[in-house]
Amino acid sequence: MNNEPAPALAGQAVVAIWHDTAPEALPEYYEWHNREHMPERVGIPGFLRGRRYVALAGRPAIFTLYEAESMAVLTGPDYTARLDNPTPWTRRMVPHLTNNARSLCRVVHSMGAGQGGLMMTWRYDVAADREEEHQRFLVDRLPGIADRPGIVGVHLCRADRAASAIQTGEKKLQAATALAPNWVVLVEGASEAAALDAACQEALPIEAMVAAGAIAPIERGLYRLQNTRSRMPGRAA
């Protein structure tokens, strides 16, 4: 019997996106994101699942996670073509998105029992000469977090810097250049928000991350799931 923990993410790469939305545009934003943008993204070959979360604590207000088979999908022609040729609805909505942070990441470590309705996110950078040390620190700690009550997934993702920096048609619609955090840690919870927050505070305190090479400030947020869309077998989306 194989007792190795199964990965909780659907693939080996993710697009992690944080942003705010202008209040007057929020009703249309949800319609666009639910009815066009998420189905469009999950319809790209190699995209497996999309999830959108709203902040309970921390900023920006929206966190979206797209899971893909591999980094080759995120740098390939199908995704690039969508980014360079945004739909009319996308062209109308993107200028309303502010405080953008977006990284195309390889999944370094992923384990858990499933997907949670709550997500704690960390996004930050690490001193260049301490990246190996910091990765060891996280890989040592994350399994212990996964074993805690109410935790159903823990993930470490590292950005592909070159891919994250590519200027696309959609990026040109943004009022300001999006940040591209190089390190992304995700912890999923399936019980109470307070329990997830407490577990993360105890097991992965900001002070310990900085001592292991992380560069302050480390942006941390707690999010609640709003919508998810998965690719269905045998269907385009």
C-alpha atoms as a PDB file:
ATOM      1  CA  MET A   1       0.000   0.000   0.000  1.00  0.00           C
ATOM      2  CA  ASN A   2       1.351   3.441  -0.986  1.00  0.00           C
ATOM      3  CA  ASN A   3       1.304   5.808   1.981  1.00  0.00           C
ATOM      4  CA  GLU A   4       2.845   8.731   0.121  1.00  0.00           C
ATOM      5  CA  PRO A   5       0.663  11.863   0.364  1.00  0.00           C
ATOM      6  CA  ALA A   6      -1.198  12.650  -2.839  1.00  0.00           C
ATOM      7  CA  PRO A   7      -0.843  16.103  -4.401  1.00  0.00           C
ATOM      8  CA  ALA A   8      -3.910  18.256  -3.795  1.00  0.00           C
ATOM      9  CA  LEU A   9      -3.368  20.560  -6.764  1.00  0.00           C
ATOM     10  CA  ALA A  10      -4.634  19.345 -10.111  1.00  0.00           C
ATOM     11  CA  GLY A  11      -1.410  19.904 -12.067  1.00  0.00           C
ATOM     12  CA  GLN A  12       2.239  20.865 -11.923  1.00  0.00           C
ATOM     13  CA  ALA A  13       1.809  24.593 -12.590  1.00  0.00           C
ATOM     14  CA  VAL A  14      -0.467  27.416 -11.472  1.00  0.00           C
ATOM     15  CA  VAL A  15      -1.390  30.980 -12.327  1.00  0.00           C
ATOM     16  CA  ALA A  16      -1.840  32.860  -9.038  1.00  0.00           C
ATOM     17  CA  ILE A  17      -3.602  36.236  -9.307  1.00  0.00           C
ATOM     18  CA  TRP A  18      -4.532  38.841  -6.694  1.00  0.00           C
ATOM     19  CA  HIS A  19      -6.360  42.105  -7.423  1.00  0.00           C
ATOM     20  CA  ASP A  20      -8.967  44.604  -6.297  1.00  0.00           C
ATOM     21  CA  THR A  21     -11.973  45.615  -8.376  1.00  0.00           C
ATOM     22  CA  ALA A  22     -13.485  49.082  -8.537  1.00  0.00           C
ATOM     23  CA  PRO A  23     -16.683  48.982  -6.424  1.00  0.00           C
ATOM     24  CA  GLU A  24     -18.880  50.346  -9.217  1.00  0.00           C
ATOM     25  CA  ALA A  25     -17.660  47.572 -11.541  1.00  0.00           C
ATOM     26  CA  LEU A  26     -18.012  44.680  -9.079  1.00  0.00           C
ATOM     27  CA  PRO A  27     -21.465  43.385 -10.185  1.00  0.00           C
ATOM     28  CA  GLU A  28     -20.371  43.227 -13.819  1.00  0.00           C
ATOM     29  CA  TYR A  29     -16.983  41.822 -12.805  1.00  0.00           C
ATOM     30  CA  TYR A  30     -18.633  38.796 -11.209  1.00  0.00           C
ATOM     31  CA  GLU A  31     -20.808  38.181 -14.281  1.00  0.00           C
ATOM     32  CA  TRP A  32     -17.808  38.475 -16.594  1.00  0.00           C
ATOM     33  CA  HIS A  33     -15.581  36.286 -14.452  1.00  0.00           C
ATOM     34  CA  ASN A  34     -18.266  33.627 -13.860  1.00  0.00           C
ATOM     35  CA  ARG A  35     -19.733  33.453 -17.354  1.00  0.00           C
ATOM     36  CA  GLU A  36     -16.841  34.260 -19.681  1.00  0.00           C
ATOM     37  CA  HIS A  37     -13.385  34.552 -18.137  1.00  0.00           C
ATOM     38  CA  MET A  38     -13.165  31.380 -16.044  1.00  0.00           C
ATOM     39  CA  PRO A  39     -14.818  29.190 -18.724  1.00  0.00           C
ATOM     40  CA  GLU A  40     -12.466  30.686 -21.317  1.00  0.00           C
ATOM     41  CA  ARG A  41      -9.373  29.958 -19.241  1.00  0.00           C
ATOM     42  CA  VAL A  42     -10.393  26.416 -18.301  1.00  0.00           C
ATOM     43  CA  GLY A  43     -11.177  25.826 -21.971  1.00  0.00           C
ATOM     44  CA  ILE A  44      -7.498  26.297 -22.876  1.00  0.00           C
ATOM     45  CA  PRO A  45      -5.814  22.919 -23.505  1.00  0.00           C
ATOM     46  CA  GLY A  46      -3.867  21.900 -20.403  1.00  0.00           C
ATOM     47  CA  PHE A  47      -5.812  24.106 -17.983  1.00  0.00           C
ATOM     48  CA  LEU A  48      -7.495  21.860 -15.425  1.00  0.00           C
ATOM     49  CA  ARG A  49      -9.308  24.006 -12.869  1.00  0.00           C
ATOM     50  CA  GLY A  50     -10.022  27.595 -11.889  1.00  0.00           C
ATOM     51  CA  ARG A  51     -10.978  28.877  -8.441  1.00  0.00           C
ATOM     52  CA  ARG A  52     -11.885  32.391  -7.297  1.00  0.00           C
ATOM     53  CA  TYR A  53     -11.751  33.518  -3.672  1.00  0.00           C
ATOM     54  CA  VAL A  54     -12.758  36.702  -1.836  1.00  0.00           C
ATOM     55  CA  ALA A  55     -10.763  38.137   1.082  1.00  0.00           C
ATOM     56  CA  LEU A  56     -11.835  37.673   4.689  1.00  0.00           C
ATOM     57  CA  ALA A  57      -8.602  39.312   5.891  1.00  0.00           C
ATOM     58  CA  GLY A  58      -5.797  40.970   3.964  1.00  0.00           C
ATOM     59  CA  ARG A  59      -5.654  42.583   0.544  1.00  0.00           C
ATOM     60  CA  PRO A  60      -6.231  42.611  -2.381  1.00  0.00           C
ATOM     61  CA  ALA A  61      -9.882  41.571  -2.260  1.00  0.00           C
ATOM     62  CA  ILE A  62      -9.828  38.842  -4.928  1.00  0.00           C
ATOM     63  CA  PHE A  63      -7.572  35.812  -5.312  1.00  0.00           C
ATOM     64  CA  THR A  64      -7.839  33.536  -8.356  1.00  0.00           C
ATOM     65  CA  LEU A  65      -5.958  30.279  -8.842  1.00  0.00           C
ATOM     66  CA  TYR A  66      -5.721  28.446 -12.168  1.00  0.00           C
ATOM     67  CA  GLU A  67      -4.205  24.958 -12.133  1.00  0.00           C
ATOM     68  CA  ALA A  68      -2.523  23.620 -15.269  1.00  0.00           C
ATOM     69  CA  GLU A  69      -0.797  20.445 -16.362  1.00  0.00           C
ATOM     70  CA  SER A  70       2.657  22.027 -16.675  1.00  0.00           C
ATOM     71  CA  MET A  71       4.618  25.240 -17.183  1.00  0.00           C
ATOM     72  CA  ALA A  72       4.667  24.390 -20.888  1.00  0.00           C
ATOM     73  CA  VAL A  73       0.914  25.047 -20.910  1.00  0.00           C
ATOM     74  CA  LEU A  74       1.376  28.483 -19.314  1.00  0.00           C
ATOM     75  CA  THR A  75       4.077  29.496 -21.795  1.00  0.00           C
ATOM     76  CA  GLY A  76       2.491  27.771 -24.801  1.00  0.00           C
ATOM     77  CA  PRO A  77       0.724  29.248 -27.824  1.00  0.00           C
ATOM     78  CA  ASP A  78      -2.865  28.563 -26.726  1.00  0.00           C
ATOM     79  CA  TYR A  79      -2.672  30.562 -23.492  1.00  0.00           C
ATOM     80  CA  THR A  80      -0.505  33.246 -25.090  1.00  0.00           C
ATOM     81  CA  ALA A  81      -3.044  33.699 -27.879  1.00  0.00           C
ATOM     82  CA  ARG A  82      -5.823  34.291 -25.339  1.00  0.00           C
ATOM     83  CA  LEU A  83      -3.727  36.812 -23.418  1.00  0.00           C
ATOM     84  CA  ASP A  84      -2.797  38.706 -26.584  1.00  0.00           C
ATOM     85  CA  ASN A  85      -6.344  38.756 -27.959  1.00  0.00           C
ATOM     86  CA  PRO A  86      -8.675  39.702 -25.095  1.00  0.00           C
ATOM     87  CA  THR A  87     -12.403  39.621 -25.759  1.00  0.00           C
ATOM     88  CA  PRO A  88     -14.417  42.867 -25.887  1.00  0.00           C
ATOM     89  CA  TRP A  89     -15.827  42.100 -22.414  1.00  0.00           C
ATOM     90  CA  THR A  90     -12.317  41.523 -21.069  1.00  0.00           C
ATOM     91  CA  ARG A  91     -11.142  44.788 -22.610  1.00  0.00           C
ATOM     92  CA  ARG A  92     -13.949  46.560 -20.789  1.00  0.00           C
ATOM     93  CA  MET A  93     -13.294  44.909 -17.407  1.00  0.00           C
ATOM     94  CA  VAL A  94      -9.489  44.771 -17.029  1.00  0.00           C
ATOM     95  CA  PRO A  95      -9.045  48.564 -16.564  1.00  0.00           C
ATOM     96  CA  HIS A  96     -11.261  48.259 -13.449  1.00  0.00           C
ATOM     97  CA  LEU A  97      -8.811  45.794 -11.827  1.00  0.00           C
ATOM     98  CA  THR A  98      -6.226  47.404  -9.549  1.00  0.00           C
ATOM     99  CA  ASN A  99      -3.416  46.394  -7.163  1.00  0.00           C
ATOM    100  CA  ASN A 100      -2.631  43.482  -9.443  1.00  0.00           C
ATOM    101  CA  ALA A 101      -0.179  40.713  -8.567  1.00  0.00           C
ATOM    102  CA  ARG A 102       0.208  37.752 -10.915  1.00  0.00           C
ATOM    103  CA  SER A 103       2.719  34.912 -11.079  1.00  0.00           C
ATOM    104  CA  LEU A 104       3.073  31.905 -13.366  1.00  0.00           C
ATOM    105  CA  CYS A 105       4.471  29.227 -11.071  1.00  0.00           C
ATOM    106  CA  ARG A 106       5.856  25.734 -10.985  1.00  0.00           C
ATOM    107  CA  VAL A 107       4.433  23.582  -8.212  1.00  0.00           C
ATOM    108  CA  VAL A 108       7.357  22.605  -5.990  1.00  0.00           C
ATOM    109  CA  HIS A 109       5.418  20.833  -3.244  1.00  0.00           C
ATOM    110  CA  SER A 110       1.728  19.905  -2.957  1.00  0.00           C
ATOM    111  CA  MET A 111      -0.060  17.561  -0.602  1.00  0.00           C
ATOM    112  CA  GLY A 112      -3.416  17.194   1.073  1.00  0.00           C
ATOM    113  CA  ALA A 113      -6.764  15.466   1.308  1.00  0.00           C
ATOM    114  CA  GLY A 114      -8.668  17.703  -1.101  1.00  0.00           C
ATOM    115  CA  GLN A 115      -9.665  21.273  -1.812  1.00  0.00           C
ATOM    116  CA  GLY A 116     -10.867  23.671   0.866  1.00  0.00           C
ATOM    117  CA  GLY A 117     -13.403  26.445   0.972  1.00  0.00           C
ATOM    118  CA  LEU A 118     -10.771  28.616   2.683  1.00  0.00           C
ATOM    119  CA  MET A 119      -7.322  29.581   1.443  1.00  0.00           C
ATOM    120  CA  MET A 120      -4.450  31.298   3.229  1.00  0.00           C
ATOM    121  CA  THR A 121      -1.977  32.824   0.789  1.00  0.00           C
ATOM    122  CA  TRP A 122       1.536  34.200   1.227  1.00  0.00           C
ATOM    123  CA  ARG A 123       3.336  36.044  -1.589  1.00  0.00           C
ATOM    124  CA  TYR A 124       6.857  37.404  -1.264  1.00  0.00           C
ATOM    125  CA  ASP A 125      10.457  37.223  -2.426  1.00  0.00           C
ATOM    126  CA  VAL A 126      13.527  35.526  -0.974  1.00  0.00           C
ATOM    127  CA  ALA A 127      17.140  36.683  -0.883  1.00  0.00           C
ATOM    128  CA  ALA A 128      18.876  35.277  -3.960  1.00  0.00           C
ATOM    129  CA  ASP A 129      21.636  33.586  -1.965  1.00  0.00           C
ATOM    130  CA  ARG A 130      19.163  31.907   0.420  1.00  0.00           C
ATOM    131  CA  GLU A 131      16.602  30.374  -1.924  1.00  0.00           C
ATOM    132  CA  GLU A 132      17.718  26.758  -1.389  1.00  0.00           C
ATOM    133  CA  GLU A 133      17.726  27.274   2.369  1.00  0.00           C
ATOM    134  CA  HIS A 134      14.260  28.798   2.285  1.00  0.00           C
ATOM    135  CA  GLN A 135      12.834  26.000   0.153  1.00  0.00           C
ATOM    136  CA  ARG A 136      14.182  23.395   2.598  1.00  0.00           C
ATOM    137  CA  PHE A 137      12.624  25.358   5.466  1.00  0.00           C
ATOM    138  CA  LEU A 138       9.194  25.263   3.804  1.00  0.00           C
ATOM    139  CA  VAL A 139       9.353  21.649   2.634  1.00  0.00           C
ATOM    140  CA  ASP A 140      10.217  20.653   6.205  1.00  0.00           C
ATOM    141  CA  ARG A 141       7.313  22.641   7.693  1.00  0.00           C
ATOM    142  CA  LEU A 142       4.464  22.138   5.236  1.00  0.00           C
ATOM    143  CA  PRO A 143       3.782  18.438   5.998  1.00  0.00           C
ATOM    144  CA  GLY A 144       3.259  19.317   9.653  1.00  0.00           C
ATOM    145  CA  ILE A 145       0.719  21.949   8.681  1.00  0.00           C
ATOM    146  CA  ALA A 146      -1.086  19.443   6.447  1.00  0.00           C
ATOM    147  CA  ASP A 147      -1.545  17.102   9.427  1.00  0.00           C
ATOM    148  CA  ARG A 148      -3.371  19.716  11.504  1.00  0.00           C
ATOM    149  CA  PRO A 149      -7.151  19.427  12.018  1.00  0.00           C
ATOM    150  CA  GLY A 150      -9.157  21.200   9.346  1.00  0.00           C
ATOM    151  CA  ILE A 151      -6.244  21.567   6.893  1.00  0.00           C
ATOM    152  CA  VAL A 152      -6.845  19.837   3.554  1.00  0.00           C
ATOM    153  CA  GLY A 153      -4.025  21.130   1.348  1.00  0.00           C
ATOM    154  CA  VAL A 154      -0.596  22.791   1.485  1.00  0.00           C
ATOM    155  CA  HIS A 155       1.320  23.985  -1.541  1.00  0.00           C
ATOM    156  CA  LEU A 156       4.593  25.686  -2.380  1.00  0.00           C
ATOM    157  CA  CYS A 157       4.850  27.347  -5.793  1.00  0.00           C
ATOM    158  CA  ARG A 158       7.773  29.246  -7.292  1.00  0.00           C
ATOM    159  CA  ALA A 159       7.393  31.719 -10.128  1.00  0.00           C
ATOM    160  CA  ASP A 160       8.938  31.384 -13.529  1.00  0.00           C
ATOM    161  CA  ARG A 161      10.327  34.923 -13.577  1.00  0.00           C
ATOM    162  CA  ALA A 162      10.676  35.186 -17.345  1.00  0.00           C
ATOM    163  CA  ALA A 163       7.190  33.843 -18.067  1.00  0.00           C
ATOM    164  CA  SER A 164       5.601  36.063 -15.397  1.00  0.00           C
ATOM    165  CA  ALA A 165       7.239  39.170 -16.877  1.00  0.00           C
ATOM    166  CA  ILE A 166       6.028  38.731 -20.467  1.00  0.00           C
ATOM    167  CA  GLN A 167       4.037  41.740 -21.655  1.00  0.00           C
ATOM    168  CA  THR A 168       0.691  40.632 -23.113  1.00  0.00           C
ATOM    169  CA  GLY A 169      -2.347  42.283 -24.637  1.00  0.00           C
ATOM    170  CA  GLU A 170      -4.237  41.945 -21.350  1.00  0.00           C
ATOM    171  CA  LYS A 171      -1.395  43.477 -19.333  1.00  0.00           C
ATOM    172  CA  LYS A 172      -1.376  46.512 -21.610  1.00  0.00           C
ATOM    173  CA  LEU A 173      -4.964  47.213 -20.544  1.00  0.00           C
ATOM    174  CA  GLN A 174      -3.952  47.541 -16.875  1.00  0.00           C
ATOM    175  CA  ALA A 175      -3.503  50.979 -15.378  1.00  0.00           C
ATOM    176  CA  ALA A 176      -0.310  49.923 -13.560  1.00  0.00           C
ATOM    177  CA  THR A 177       2.274  47.173 -13.959  1.00  0.00           C
ATOM    178  CA  ALA A 178       1.316  44.023 -12.053  1.00  0.00           C
ATOM    179  CA  LEU A 179       3.633  42.740  -9.356  1.00  0.00           C
ATOM    180  CA  ALA A 180       5.039  39.236  -9.859  1.00  0.00           C
ATOM    181  CA  PRO A 181       5.840  37.618  -6.480  1.00  0.00           C
ATOM    182  CA  ASN A 182       8.424  34.873  -6.854  1.00  0.00           C
ATOM    183  CA  TRP A 183       7.317  32.708  -3.920  1.00  0.00           C
ATOM    184  CA  VAL A 184       3.724  31.637  -3.270  1.00  0.00           C
ATOM    185  CA  VAL A 185       2.585  29.485  -0.342  1.00  0.00           C
ATOM    186  CA  LEU A 186      -1.021  28.260  -0.150  1.00  0.00           C
ATOM    187  CA  VAL A 187      -2.767  26.499   2.732  1.00  0.00           C
ATOM    188  CA  GLU A 188      -6.341  25.246   2.269  1.00  0.00           C
ATOM    189  CA  GLY A 189      -8.812  24.827   5.110  1.00  0.00           C
ATOM    190  CA  ALA A 190     -12.145  23.027   5.339  1.00  0.00           C
ATOM    191  CA  SER A 191     -13.407  24.059   8.774  1.00  0.00           C
ATOM    192  CA  GLU A 192     -13.458  27.513  10.396  1.00  0.00           C
ATOM    193  CA  ALA A 193     -11.548  30.571   9.240  1.00  0.00           C
ATOM    194  CA  ALA A 194     -10.291  31.228  12.770  1.00  0.00           C
ATOM    195  CA  ALA A 195      -8.876  27.693  13.000  1.00  0.00           C
ATOM    196  CA  LEU A 196      -7.033  28.042   9.691  1.00  0.00           C
ATOM    197  CA  ASP A 197      -5.646  31.428  10.697  1.00  0.00           C
ATOM    198  CA  ALA A 198      -4.465  30.134  14.073  1.00  0.00           C
ATOM    199  CA  ALA A 199      -2.817  27.054  12.556  1.00  0.00           C
ATOM    200  CA  CYS A 200      -0.943  29.156  10.028  1.00  0.00           C
ATOM    201  CA  GLN A 201       0.118  31.751  12.590  1.00  0.00           C
ATOM    202  CA  GLU A 202       1.535  29.027  14.807  1.00  0.00           C
ATOM    203  CA  ALA A 203       3.147  26.791  12.200  1.00  0.00           C
ATOM    204  CA  LEU A 204       4.442  29.395   9.736  1.00  0.00           C
ATOM    205  CA  PRO A 205       5.009  32.704  11.542  1.00  0.00           C
ATOM    206  CA  ILE A 206       6.283  35.610   9.494  1.00  0.00           C
ATOM    207  CA  GLU A 207       9.308  35.984  11.816  1.00  0.00           C
ATOM    208  CA  ALA A 208      10.450  32.420  11.091  1.00  0.00           C
ATOM    209  CA  MET A 209      10.041  32.914   7.336  1.00  0.00           C
ATOM    210  CA  VAL A 210      12.169  36.066   7.431  1.00  0.00           C
ATOM    211  CA  ALA A 211      14.795  34.302   9.538  1.00  0.00           C
ATOM    212  CA  ALA A 212      14.943  31.632   6.807  1.00  0.00           C
ATOM    213  CA  GLY A 213      15.629  34.167   4.061  1.00  0.00           C
ATOM    214  CA  ALA A 214      12.268  35.675   3.107  1.00  0.00           C
ATOM    215  CA  ILE A 215      12.319  39.397   2.352  1.00  0.00           C
ATOM    216  CA  ALA A 216       9.810  41.551   4.226  1.00  0.00           C
ATOM    217  CA  PRO A 217       7.115  42.579   3.663  1.00  0.00           C
ATOM    218  CA  ILE A 218       5.431  39.205   3.250  1.00  0.00           C
ATOM    219  CA  GLU A 219       1.886  39.714   1.986  1.00  0.00           C
ATOM    220  CA  ARG A 220      -0.537  37.344   3.725  1.00  0.00           C
ATOM    221  CA  GLY A 221      -4.286  36.998   3.146  1.00  0.00           C
ATOM    222  CA  LEU A 222      -7.189  34.767   4.148  1.00  0.00           C
ATOM    223  CA  TYR A 223      -9.737  34.029   1.413  1.00  0.00           C
ATOM    224  CA  ARG A 224     -13.115  32.286   1.073  1.00  0.00           C
ATOM    225  CA  LEU A 225     -14.048  30.321  -2.058  1.00  0.00           C
ATOM    226  CA  GLN A 226     -16.627  31.948  -4.332  1.00  0.00           C
ATOM    227  CA  ASN A 227     -16.540  29.941  -7.541  1.00  0.00           C
ATOM    228  CA  THR A 228     -14.777  26.974  -9.089  1.00  0.00           C
ATOM    229  CA  ARG A 229     -14.734  25.540 -12.581  1.00  0.00           C
ATOM    230  CA  SER A 230     -13.035  22.329 -13.651  1.00  0.00           C
ATOM    231  CA  ARG A 231     -12.375  20.829 -17.038  1.00  0.00           C
ATOM    232  CA  MET A 232     -14.783  17.960 -17.574  1.00  0.00           C
ATOM    233  CA  PRO A 233     -13.453  14.750 -19.203  1.00  0.00           C
ATOM    234  CA  GLY A 234     -14.296  14.699 -22.881  1.00  0.00           C
ATOM    235  CA  ARG A 235     -15.371  18.343 -22.959  1.00  0.00           C
ATOM    236  CA  ALA A 236     -13.528  21.516 -23.908  1.00  0.00           C
ATOM    237  CA  ALA A 237     -14.506  23.235 -20.649  1.00  0.00           C
END
